[in-house]
Every structure is written in structure tokens, then in C-alpha cells.
Protein backbone atom coordinates (compact mmCIF):
# COMPACT_ATOMS: atom_id res chain seq x y z
CA MET A 1 -17.17 23.82 15.17
CA GLN A 2 -17.12 20.56 17.11
CA TRP A 3 -17.63 18.54 13.95
CA PHE A 4 -14.91 20.57 12.22
CA ALA A 5 -12.54 19.90 15.11
CA ILE A 6 -13.17 16.17 14.65
CA ILE A 7 -13.05 16.03 10.83
CA ALA A 8 -10.10 18.39 10.19
CA PRO A 9 -7.43 16.21 11.88
CA LEU A 10 -8.84 13.11 10.17
CA THR A 11 -8.57 14.84 6.80
CA THR A 12 -4.92 15.71 7.48
CA VAL A 13 -4.14 12.13 8.49
CA ALA A 14 -5.97 10.74 5.45
CA THR A 15 -4.00 13.05 3.12
CA ALA A 16 -0.70 12.02 4.72
CA LEU A 17 -1.58 8.33 4.44
CA SER A 18 -2.68 8.77 0.82
CA PHE A 19 0.66 10.36 0.00
CA TRP A 20 2.55 7.53 1.70
CA PHE A 21 0.61 4.75 -0.01
CA GLY A 22 0.90 6.52 -3.37
CA TRP A 23 4.64 6.90 -2.86
CA THR A 24 5.02 3.25 -1.84
CA MET A 25 3.06 1.96 -4.82
CA THR A 26 4.92 4.24 -7.25
CA ALA A 27 8.32 3.29 -5.81
CA THR A 28 7.68 -0.44 -6.26
CA ARG A 29 6.31 0.08 -9.78
CA THR A 30 9.35 2.01 -10.98
CA ALA A 31 11.75 -0.30 -9.12
CA TYR A 32 10.32 -3.22 -11.08
CA PHE A 33 11.62 -1.57 -14.26
CA GLY A 34 15.02 -0.87 -12.71
CA ILE A 35 14.84 2.83 -11.83
CA ASP A 36 14.23 4.83 -8.68
CA GLN A 37 11.04 6.88 -8.52
CA SER A 38 13.05 9.98 -7.50
CA ILE A 39 14.42 10.19 -11.07
CA LEU A 40 10.96 11.05 -12.38
CA GLU A 41 10.44 13.75 -9.71
CA TYR A 42 6.75 13.08 -9.14
CA SER A 43 4.86 15.82 -7.32
CA THR A 44 2.70 15.46 -4.24
CA VAL A 45 -0.41 15.61 -6.43
CA ASP A 46 0.94 12.75 -8.54
CA TYR A 47 1.37 10.55 -5.47
CA LEU A 48 -2.09 11.46 -4.17
CA LEU A 49 -3.72 10.59 -7.49
CA ARG A 50 -1.85 7.28 -7.66
CA SER A 51 -2.85 6.37 -4.10
CA ALA A 52 -6.53 5.71 -4.95
CA ASP A 53 -5.76 2.27 -6.35
CA ALA A 54 -3.85 1.32 -3.20
CA ILE A 55 -6.41 2.70 -0.74
CA ILE A 56 -9.81 1.56 -2.03
CA VAL A 57 -9.56 -2.16 -1.20
CA PRO A 58 -7.94 -1.73 2.27
CA ALA A 59 -10.46 0.99 3.15
CA ILE A 60 -13.40 -1.24 2.20
CA LEU A 61 -12.03 -4.18 4.19
CA ILE A 62 -11.26 -2.03 7.25
CA LEU A 63 -14.77 -0.53 7.21
CA LEU A 64 -16.37 -3.97 6.84
CA VAL A 65 -14.34 -5.32 9.77
CA GLY A 66 -15.29 -2.21 11.72
CA VAL A 67 -18.99 -2.83 11.09
CA VAL A 68 -18.64 -6.45 12.25
CA CYS A 69 -16.79 -5.36 15.39
CA ILE A 70 -19.48 -2.78 16.19
CA GLY A 71 -22.14 -5.45 15.79
CA VAL A 72 -20.30 -7.86 18.11
CA TYR A 73 -19.81 -5.09 20.64
CA ALA A 74 -23.52 -4.17 20.52
CA VAL A 75 -24.59 -7.78 21.12
CA THR A 76 -22.08 -8.25 23.95
CA ALA A 77 -23.03 -4.98 25.66
CA SER A 78 -26.73 -5.88 25.38
CA MET A 79 -26.13 -9.29 27.01
CA ILE A 80 -24.21 -7.70 29.88
CA ARG A 81 -26.82 -4.98 30.37
CA ARG A 82 -29.69 -7.51 30.43
CA LEU A 83 -27.72 -10.03 32.52
CA THR A 84 -28.42 -12.85 30.02
CA GLY A 85 -25.99 -15.54 28.89
CA LEU A 86 -23.26 -14.39 31.24
CA VAL A 87 -21.71 -17.84 31.71
CA PRO A 88 -21.19 -18.51 27.96
CA LEU A 89 -20.03 -14.92 27.63
CA ARG A 90 -17.41 -15.39 30.33
CA ILE A 91 -16.18 -18.63 28.76
CA GLY A 92 -15.99 -16.95 25.36
CA ALA A 93 -14.05 -14.02 26.82
CA TRP A 94 -11.48 -16.36 28.37
CA LEU A 95 -11.14 -18.16 25.04
CA LEU A 96 -10.64 -14.86 23.23
CA LEU A 97 -7.99 -13.86 25.76
CA LEU A 98 -6.19 -17.19 25.40
CA VAL A 99 -6.33 -17.28 21.59
CA GLY A 100 -5.35 -13.62 21.35
CA THR A 101 -2.33 -14.17 23.59
CA VAL A 102 -1.13 -17.12 21.51
CA VAL A 103 -1.65 -15.25 18.24
CA THR A 104 0.13 -12.14 19.56
CA LEU A 105 3.12 -14.20 20.70
CA LEU A 106 3.21 -15.87 17.29
CA ALA A 107 3.16 -12.45 15.62
CA VAL A 108 6.04 -11.13 17.74
CA TRP A 109 8.04 -14.30 17.09
CA SER A 110 7.42 -14.13 13.32
CA ILE A 111 8.74 -10.57 13.23
CA PHE A 112 12.21 -11.74 14.25
CA GLU A 113 12.21 -15.34 12.96
CA GLU A 114 11.06 -16.93 9.71
CA PRO A 115 8.05 -19.19 10.47
CA PRO A 116 8.59 -22.87 9.58
CA PHE A 117 5.31 -22.86 7.63
CA ALA A 118 4.13 -21.01 4.54
CA THR A 119 2.56 -17.60 5.21
CA PHE A 120 0.93 -14.93 3.06
CA PHE A 121 2.57 -11.55 2.67
CA LEU A 122 0.26 -9.85 5.20
CA PHE A 123 0.74 -12.52 7.85
CA GLU A 124 2.78 -10.53 10.40
CA PRO A 125 0.64 -7.37 10.56
CA ALA A 126 -2.60 -9.37 10.37
CA VAL A 127 -1.80 -11.67 13.29
CA LEU A 128 -0.29 -8.81 15.29
CA GLY A 129 -3.33 -6.54 14.99
CA GLY A 130 -5.83 -9.40 15.28
CA GLY A 131 -4.12 -11.01 18.25
CA ILE A 132 -3.76 -7.86 20.31
CA GLY A 133 -7.35 -6.89 19.44
CA LEU A 134 -8.71 -10.24 20.63
CA CYS A 135 -6.73 -9.95 23.87
CA ALA A 136 -8.05 -6.48 24.57
CA TYR A 137 -11.65 -7.35 23.80
CA GLY A 138 -11.58 -10.53 25.89
CA PHE A 139 -10.09 -8.57 28.79
CA TRP A 140 -12.70 -5.82 28.40
CA VAL A 141 -15.59 -8.33 28.53
CA LEU A 142 -14.14 -9.94 31.68
CA ARG A 143 -13.70 -6.48 33.15
CA CYS A 144 -17.36 -5.61 32.49
CA LEU A 145 -18.56 -8.90 33.99
CA SER A 146 -16.44 -8.31 37.07
CA ALA A 147 -17.85 -4.80 37.46
CA LEU A 148 -21.38 -6.20 37.78
CA ASN A 149 -20.65 -7.50 41.26
CA ASN A 150 -17.95 -5.08 42.32
CA ARG A 151 -18.58 -1.36 42.15
CA GLU A 152 -14.93 -0.57 42.85
CA THR A 153 -13.92 -2.06 39.50
CA ARG A 154 -16.29 0.17 37.55
CA HIS A 155 -13.78 3.01 37.56
CA LEU A 156 -10.89 2.43 35.18
CA PRO A 157 -7.46 2.83 36.76
CA VAL A 158 -4.77 4.77 34.94
CA TRP A 159 -2.82 1.63 33.96
CA GLU A 160 -5.92 0.18 32.27
CA LYS A 161 -6.58 3.35 30.32
CA LEU A 162 -2.96 3.40 29.17
CA GLY A 163 -3.31 -0.26 28.20
CA TYR A 164 -6.31 0.45 25.98
CA VAL A 165 -4.48 3.37 24.35
CA SER A 166 -1.47 1.12 23.69
CA VAL A 167 -3.74 -1.51 22.13
CA VAL A 168 -5.29 1.06 19.79
CA LEU A 169 -1.84 2.30 18.77
CA LEU A 170 -0.63 -1.25 18.10
CA VAL A 171 -3.68 -2.00 15.96
CA VAL A 172 -3.21 1.25 14.02
CA VAL A 173 0.48 0.45 13.44
CA ALA A 174 -0.45 -3.05 12.27
CA LEU A 175 -3.02 -1.61 9.85
CA PHE A 176 -0.48 0.89 8.53
CA TRP A 177 2.06 -1.91 8.11
CA ALA A 178 -0.45 -4.12 6.28
CA CYS A 179 -1.61 -1.31 3.99
CA SER A 180 1.99 -0.42 3.12
CA LEU A 181 2.75 -4.04 2.22
CA TYR A 182 -0.42 -4.18 0.15
CA ALA A 183 0.50 -0.97 -1.70
CA GLY A 184 3.95 -2.36 -2.47
CA ALA A 185 2.59 -5.70 -3.67
CA LEU A 186 -0.04 -3.91 -5.76
CA GLY A 187 2.63 -1.76 -7.39
CA THR A 188 4.66 -4.84 -8.33
CA GLY A 189 1.56 -6.58 -9.67
CA ARG A 190 0.57 -3.56 -11.75
CA SER A 191 4.11 -3.43 -13.19
CA ARG A 192 3.95 -7.08 -14.24
CA GLU A 193 0.64 -6.45 -15.99
CA TYR A 194 2.12 -3.35 -17.62
CA ALA A 195 5.14 -5.30 -18.92
CA ARG A 196 2.91 -8.09 -20.21
CA ASP A 197 0.70 -5.63 -22.12
CA LEU A 198 3.54 -3.34 -23.19
CA TYR A 199 2.71 -3.88 -26.86
CA GLN A 200 -0.53 -1.94 -26.33
CA ARG A 201 1.31 1.19 -25.24
CA PRO A 202 2.03 3.96 -27.79
CA SER A 203 5.10 3.35 -29.94
CA VAL A 204 7.78 6.04 -29.85
CA THR A 205 10.19 7.26 -32.50
CA VAL A 206 13.05 9.40 -31.20
CA TYR A 207 15.00 11.84 -33.37
CA SER A 208 18.21 13.12 -31.82
CA SER A 209 20.95 15.52 -32.87
CA GLN A 210 23.54 13.25 -31.26
CA SER A 211 23.93 9.51 -30.96
CA LEU A 212 22.14 8.13 -27.89
CA ALA A 213 24.02 4.81 -28.09
CA ILE A 214 20.90 2.78 -27.31
CA GLY A 215 21.52 -0.91 -27.85
CA SER A 216 19.38 -3.72 -29.24
CA PRO A 217 16.44 -4.27 -29.61
CA VAL A 218 16.13 -0.53 -30.27
CA LYS A 219 17.07 0.23 -33.89
CA GLU A 220 19.35 3.16 -34.71
CA GLU A 221 19.21 4.77 -38.15
CA VAL A 222 21.60 7.48 -39.30
CA ILE A 223 19.87 10.27 -41.23
CA SER A 224 22.09 11.42 -44.07
CA SER A 225 20.39 14.76 -44.74
CA PRO A 226 23.14 17.42 -44.42
CA ASP A 227 20.72 20.23 -43.58
CA GLY A 228 18.68 18.35 -40.99
CA LYS A 229 19.06 19.07 -37.28
CA TYR A 230 18.38 15.53 -36.20
CA ARG A 231 20.91 13.00 -37.48
CA PHE A 232 19.83 9.86 -35.59
CA LYS A 233 16.51 8.04 -35.55
CA TYR A 234 15.52 5.41 -32.98
CA THR A 235 12.58 3.03 -33.25
CA GLY A 236 11.37 0.06 -31.23
CA LEU A 237 10.51 2.07 -28.10
CA LYS A 238 7.35 2.21 -25.98
CA PHE A 239 6.09 5.20 -24.02
CA VAL A 240 5.57 4.79 -20.27
CA THR A 241 5.19 8.26 -18.80
CA LEU A 242 6.34 11.88 -18.90
CA SER A 243 7.23 13.59 -15.64
CA ALA A 244 9.29 16.66 -14.72
CA GLY A 245 10.40 17.10 -18.32
CA LYS A 246 11.66 13.50 -18.63
CA TYR A 247 10.38 10.75 -20.89
CA PHE A 248 10.36 7.26 -19.41
CA LEU A 249 10.65 4.77 -22.29
CA LEU A 250 11.03 1.01 -22.55
CA PRO A 251 12.22 -1.10 -25.50
CA ALA A 252 9.45 -3.07 -27.18
CA GLY A 253 9.51 -6.61 -25.82
CA TRP A 254 11.13 -5.45 -22.56
CA SER A 255 11.73 -8.04 -19.82
CA ARG A 256 13.46 -7.91 -16.44
CA THR A 257 16.17 -10.30 -17.61
CA SER A 258 17.06 -8.58 -20.87
CA GLY A 259 15.72 -5.05 -20.80
CA VAL A 260 16.77 -1.56 -19.78
CA ALA A 261 14.81 1.56 -18.86
CA ILE A 262 15.51 4.71 -20.87
CA ILE A 263 15.14 8.26 -19.55
CA LEU A 264 15.28 11.11 -22.08
CA ASP A 265 15.10 14.83 -21.39
CA ASP A 266 12.30 16.71 -23.10
CA ASP A 267 14.47 19.35 -24.76
CA ALA A 268 15.35 20.70 -28.19
CA GLU A 269 18.03 18.03 -28.71
CA ASN A 270 15.40 15.31 -28.98
CA ARG A 271 12.16 15.10 -30.93
CA ILE A 272 9.58 12.50 -29.94
CA GLU A 273 6.93 11.04 -32.23
CA PHE A 274 4.09 8.81 -31.05
CA ASN A 275 2.16 6.10 -32.84
CA PRO A 276 -0.80 4.08 -31.50
CA GLY A 277 0.07 0.81 -29.85
CA GLY A 278 -1.67 -2.52 -29.97
CA GLY A 279 -2.40 -4.59 -32.98
């Protein structure tokens, strides 16, 4: 029951985060093609399934950083417990505190002002979480060293406990911010790859009872059969996805500068034929 009480909330949080990252990645992918993801009416399961691509790499990196931090903590705690190398440890803690403070101030400044130097897209959350983490760890080491000679400092005051809680929350927010940016960037990157390899997608022929007025490069052909239900034929389309009874199609050779996205209802007024892509 104790393990269940620990794992159950984590599972709920992981599901919520998976939904958010899947939604973020899907929104940026569809926005690249000029439509809003709400048009396709994806379900919660769709977002959860699409979140795997956006979660795997951040999860691996976070776990690796966590392992490194645990190792550093184990070495530091062992040195303090054995009373060895305390002078270098104290100097290192002060350096961590100083560097962390500078990095944190830089992160706060970069949130409101554009840095005068080139930065990568995860710069703000990375320096924010890293800076505040270095500050907290440096302070904790100094606190432990001070407690060796002063028993009164061994008991954490309320303000210090609240400080540690605030640090954890800031690091979590920074991680959430970084993962959201990564999911968005990944969605845009996947869309660019999709557009580049669009010729490999299945080709679509649309038969419609009424004119769809789709412009070039899609070709419209009028069917002259008087007894046929479908009077218009459209070729030069590529299939993207089907969701909530709506076909998402793109013209062959689509580009962001000269292309449109096409949404067709899956109903009796339209008949869709598929042919293999590639070649």
C-alpha cells in the first residue's frame, strides 16, 4: 500500500505530462502546414500515443543527469561524514554558490531581455534550472560543513525548508519549460521532414458529387457520365491523416510558400482512392 501510494500519483502526473507534450508536438506539426490541431479533433489517446517521440530523449537525459547528481551527492556526503577534504569541499561549495547565483541572474535577465549573444532554444530553462540547482547544492554543502561544529545548525529552520521546496519547484518548472520547448521544436522538425518526403506518402484521388474548387497544382477533371454520382475527379493529392471523420490532404509538391492544406469530410459526397507513394 505504501508503494502504491507513492507510484499512483507519479503515474497520474506522468499521464498528464504525456498528454501535454503530445498536444504540444501535434499542435506545432499541424501549425507548420497551416491548420490548427483542433480541426482534426484528436482524442486523448491520440495525444498520448504521439507523446512517446517527445518524451523519450528528455526522459533519458533527465535520468542520466539524476544519476550523476546522486553520484556527486554520495561522494560529498562521504567526505563530510569521514571529515576528509573539507577545505577543498568548502572552496568548491562557495564556487558553486557564486557561479549558480550568476547563472540564475543571467537566466532571470534573459527571460525579460534578449541576450546580446547567440543562444540555443533551451537556453532560458537550462540556465534557470541549472543555476538555481547549483546555488541550492552549494548552500547545502556549506550548511552541512557548518553543522559539524555547531549542533544548533543541525536542525533545519522553517525558512530553510521552504527554500529547498521552492528550489525543487523552480527546477521542476524549468524542466517542464524545457521539455515543452523540445516537444514544439521536435514537432516542427518532424513536419519539415514530412514535407521533404511527401512524395513517399500515398497518393489520393478524390471523387466528388460537387465541385470542390481546389486550385493548382491539384488537377480537376469533369466526369461526363450522366448516370454517375460523382461528377468531379481530383488528382495530385497526398494523404496525411484521417481523424474524427476528416481527411487531411496536401497537394503533391506542397511547400509553405505556395501550398494549402485541404480538409475533406469522410461522407457519401466524397469517395477517396489511395495509391502507393514513392517512386
